[in-house]
Protein backbone atom coordinates (compact mmCIF):
# COMPACT_ATOMS: atom_id res chain seq x y z
CA ALA A 1 -23.91 0.35 0.92
CA VAL A 2 -27.53 0.43 -0.36
CA LYS A 3 -29.81 3.09 0.99
CA ASN A 4 -33.63 2.88 0.62
CA ASN A 5 -36.78 4.12 2.44
CA ILE A 6 -36.39 1.48 5.02
CA ASP A 7 -32.71 1.54 6.08
CA VAL A 8 -29.08 1.59 4.87
CA PHE A 9 -27.68 -1.88 4.15
CA TYR A 10 -23.94 -2.35 4.27
CA PHE A 11 -22.12 -5.15 2.50
CA ALA A 12 -18.53 -6.35 2.92
CA CYS A 13 -17.12 -7.89 -0.19
CA LEU A 14 -14.04 -7.68 -2.47
CA ILE A 15 -14.64 -5.87 -5.76
CA PRO A 16 -12.30 -5.66 -8.74
CA ALA A 17 -10.61 -2.25 -8.65
CA HIS A 18 -11.29 -1.50 -12.31
CA ILE A 19 -15.00 -1.07 -11.73
CA LEU A 20 -14.00 2.23 -10.01
CA PHE A 21 -12.53 3.62 -13.29
CA THR A 22 -14.84 6.19 -14.82
CA GLU A 23 -15.79 6.75 -18.48
CA ASP A 24 -14.43 10.34 -18.48
CA GLY A 25 -10.85 9.35 -17.75
CA GLN A 26 -9.34 10.34 -21.03
CA LEU A 27 -6.94 13.24 -21.05
CA ASP A 28 -5.95 15.47 -23.94
CA LYS A 29 -2.23 14.73 -24.97
CA ARG A 30 -1.02 18.17 -23.96
CA VAL A 31 -2.89 17.93 -20.62
CA PHE A 32 -1.35 14.55 -20.10
CA LEU A 33 2.18 15.68 -20.78
CA THR A 34 1.79 18.86 -18.65
CA THR A 35 0.36 16.88 -15.73
CA TRP A 36 3.01 14.19 -15.95
CA LYS A 37 5.72 16.80 -15.69
CA GLU A 38 3.98 18.64 -12.83
CA ILE A 39 3.62 15.51 -10.56
CA PRO A 40 6.76 15.21 -8.51
CA ALA A 41 9.18 12.36 -9.31
CA ASN A 42 8.65 10.87 -5.78
CA ASN A 43 5.08 10.35 -6.81
CA GLU A 44 6.02 7.82 -9.48
CA VAL A 45 5.85 4.12 -8.64
CA GLN A 46 6.91 1.25 -10.92
CA HIS A 47 5.58 -2.35 -11.17
CA THR A 48 6.46 -5.31 -13.33
CA ILE A 49 3.59 -7.26 -14.82
CA SER A 50 4.28 -10.89 -15.67
CA ASN A 51 2.50 -13.18 -18.15
CA VAL A 52 1.59 -10.38 -20.60
CA ILE A 53 -0.21 -11.72 -23.64
CA GLY A 54 -0.95 -9.77 -26.80
CA THR A 55 0.33 -6.82 -28.76
CA ALA A 56 0.45 -3.11 -27.64
CA ASP A 57 -2.73 -2.51 -29.75
CA SER A 58 -4.72 -5.49 -28.34
CA ILE A 59 -3.69 -4.47 -24.75
CA ALA A 60 -4.68 -0.88 -25.42
CA GLN A 61 -8.04 -2.06 -26.81
CA LYS A 62 -8.56 -4.25 -23.73
CA MET A 63 -7.73 -1.36 -21.45
CA THR A 64 -10.10 0.95 -23.12
CA LEU A 65 -12.94 -1.47 -22.56
CA ASN A 66 -12.16 -1.07 -18.79
CA ASN A 67 -11.97 2.82 -18.90
CA VAL A 68 -8.17 3.01 -19.12
CA PHE A 69 -7.50 5.32 -22.02
CA THR A 70 -4.39 5.31 -24.33
CA ILE A 71 -3.34 8.94 -24.93
CA ALA A 72 -0.40 8.00 -27.10
CA LYS A 73 1.67 5.07 -28.42
CA ARG A 74 5.22 5.26 -29.34
CA ASN A 75 8.06 2.87 -30.32
CA VAL A 76 11.25 3.65 -28.48
CA GLU A 77 14.26 1.41 -29.18
CA GLY A 78 12.11 -1.59 -30.07
CA GLN A 79 9.83 -1.19 -27.09
CA ASP A 80 6.12 -0.18 -27.38
CA MET A 81 5.17 2.58 -24.96
CA LEU A 82 1.54 3.13 -24.04
CA TYR A 83 0.78 6.47 -22.30
CA GLN A 84 -2.58 6.02 -20.51
CA SER A 85 -4.87 7.80 -18.14
CA LEU A 86 -7.72 6.86 -15.90
CA LYS A 87 -9.89 8.56 -13.34
CA LEU A 88 -11.37 7.05 -10.25
CA THR A 89 -14.90 7.57 -9.05
CA ASN A 90 -13.55 9.88 -6.29
CA ASN A 91 -11.93 12.14 -8.94
CA ILE A 92 -8.38 10.89 -8.46
CA TRP A 93 -6.50 11.02 -11.74
CA VAL A 94 -3.84 8.41 -12.58
CA LEU A 95 -1.27 8.75 -15.37
CA LEU A 96 0.43 5.63 -16.63
CA GLU A 97 3.28 4.47 -18.92
CA LEU A 98 3.15 0.90 -19.98
CA LYS A 99 6.39 -0.37 -21.50
CA LEU A 100 6.05 -3.55 -23.60
CA GLN A 101 8.82 -5.52 -25.36
CA PRO A 102 7.46 -7.67 -28.26
CA GLY A 103 8.00 -11.32 -27.45
CA ASN A 104 8.77 -10.61 -23.78
CA PRO A 105 5.97 -11.73 -21.31
CA GLU A 106 6.94 -9.01 -18.79
CA ALA A 107 5.95 -5.36 -18.99
CA THR A 108 6.85 -2.38 -16.83
CA LEU A 109 4.11 -0.15 -15.64
CA SER A 110 5.00 3.38 -14.29
CA LEU A 111 2.29 5.24 -12.34
CA LYS A 112 2.12 8.92 -11.53
CA SER A 113 -0.55 10.41 -9.37
CA ARG A 114 -1.01 13.19 -6.85
CA THR A 115 -2.41 10.47 -4.64
CA VAL A 116 0.11 7.69 -4.96
CA GLU A 117 -1.59 5.42 -2.34
CA VAL A 118 -3.85 4.09 -5.12
CA ALA A 119 -0.93 2.42 -6.91
CA THR A 120 -1.40 -1.04 -5.42
CA CYS A 121 -5.09 -1.22 -6.50
CA ILE A 122 -4.17 0.06 -10.05
CA PHE A 123 -1.46 -2.44 -10.39
CA GLN A 124 -3.88 -5.28 -9.35
CA ALA A 125 -6.42 -4.02 -11.81
CA TYR A 126 -3.92 -4.03 -14.68
CA GLU A 127 -2.85 -7.56 -13.83
CA ALA A 128 -6.47 -8.73 -13.84
CA ILE A 129 -7.30 -7.01 -17.09
CA ILE A 130 -4.14 -7.89 -19.05
């Protein structure tokens, strides 16, 4: 909607979900870990992303350009794990774990949020960005 001195104009169009990610979505490592543990397990949703191209570092850089911030990166049993956070314009925080296997075009994205209904939009945004 656009409001001016004449009227309010409403538009119906599809927008990419990642434009709703804010610049202040980076969490401190300790806050991320505490929040991840506080969010109930039934608020965790997983999604498989296909056709993943690039390394963990290049993907992290691409995500940062779209206001998805990498809090930590670890290598666990040959898999690169990116722990990421984002914040939506309506102040909903989303915590993510992206599991990448070098040479494998599929990745597993785990999402935790107090508002798990945003998962589908976040998954679509990841697929569009990656």
